[in-house]
Protein backbone atom coordinates (compact mmCIF):
# COMPACT_ATOMS: atom_id res chain seq x y z
CA MET A 1 -14.36 19.78 -0.52
CA LYS A 2 -12.52 19.24 2.36
CA LYS A 3 -9.57 16.32 2.53
CA CYS A 4 -9.18 14.65 5.85
CA ASN A 5 -7.18 11.31 6.60
CA PHE A 6 -9.11 7.68 6.51
CA GLY A 7 -8.19 7.57 10.39
CA GLU A 8 -10.26 11.33 11.25
CA LEU A 9 -12.74 9.50 8.70
CA ILE A 10 -13.01 6.63 11.16
CA ARG A 11 -12.84 8.36 14.11
CA LYS A 12 -15.26 11.17 13.28
CA GLU A 13 -18.01 8.44 12.09
CA ARG A 14 -17.54 5.96 14.87
CA VAL A 15 -18.09 8.61 17.50
CA LYS A 16 -21.22 10.15 15.32
CA HIS A 17 -22.67 6.75 15.88
CA GLY A 18 -22.06 6.54 19.46
CA MET A 19 -19.86 3.75 19.09
CA THR A 20 -16.81 2.74 21.46
CA TYR A 21 -13.93 0.89 19.53
CA ARG A 22 -14.92 -2.15 21.61
CA GLU A 23 -18.65 -2.12 19.53
CA LEU A 24 -16.94 -1.57 16.13
CA ALA A 25 -14.49 -4.16 16.68
CA GLU A 26 -17.06 -6.38 17.56
CA LEU A 27 -19.29 -5.36 14.53
CA THR A 28 -15.84 -5.77 11.97
CA GLY A 29 -13.70 -8.34 13.43
CA CYS A 30 -10.96 -6.37 14.06
CA THR A 31 -9.20 -5.45 17.28
CA VAL A 32 -9.97 -2.68 19.43
CA ARG A 33 -5.87 -2.02 19.01
CA SER A 34 -6.18 -2.00 15.34
CA ILE A 35 -9.12 0.54 15.27
CA GLN A 36 -6.97 2.57 17.70
CA TYR A 37 -3.89 2.74 15.59
CA TRP A 38 -5.48 3.52 12.32
CA GLU A 39 -7.69 6.36 13.87
CA LYS A 40 -4.21 8.19 14.97
CA GLY A 41 -2.91 7.21 11.89
CA LYS A 42 0.18 4.84 13.12
CA LYS A 43 -0.62 1.77 11.18
CA SER A 44 -2.00 2.11 7.60
CA ILE A 45 -4.95 0.13 6.96
CA SER A 46 -5.93 -2.62 4.06
CA LEU A 47 -8.15 -1.97 1.41
CA TYR A 48 -10.10 -5.93 3.12
CA ASN A 49 -10.54 -4.11 6.58
CA ALA A 50 -11.21 -0.40 5.28
CA ASP A 51 -13.87 -2.14 3.59
CA LYS A 52 -15.37 -3.79 6.70
CA ILE A 53 -14.97 -0.64 8.12
CA LEU A 54 -16.73 1.64 6.11
CA LYS A 55 -19.62 -1.06 5.87
CA ALA A 56 -20.17 -1.34 10.01
CA LEU A 57 -20.41 2.87 9.48
CA GLY A 58 -23.01 2.77 6.93
CA ILE A 59 -20.20 4.46 4.49
CA SER A 60 -19.37 3.71 0.99
CA MET A 61 -16.87 5.44 -0.47
CA LYS A 62 -15.53 6.12 -4.21
CA ILE A 63 -11.78 5.45 -4.23
CA GLY A 64 -10.14 7.58 -8.14
CA ASN A 65 -11.94 9.56 -10.55
């Protein structure tokens, strides 16, 4: 299984769904700037915000074994 960081996953899925930063921000209640920071790996994302992003993108993720 190929590893990718969380920011790459967010960007890939956002683009795949044809969403802009603004659209994803509106769905999640996060700011556009925060989403940009997370995608570029400039800031860490909390589990709470990660959960909101994943749900908005229709992704489920298992953490750990």
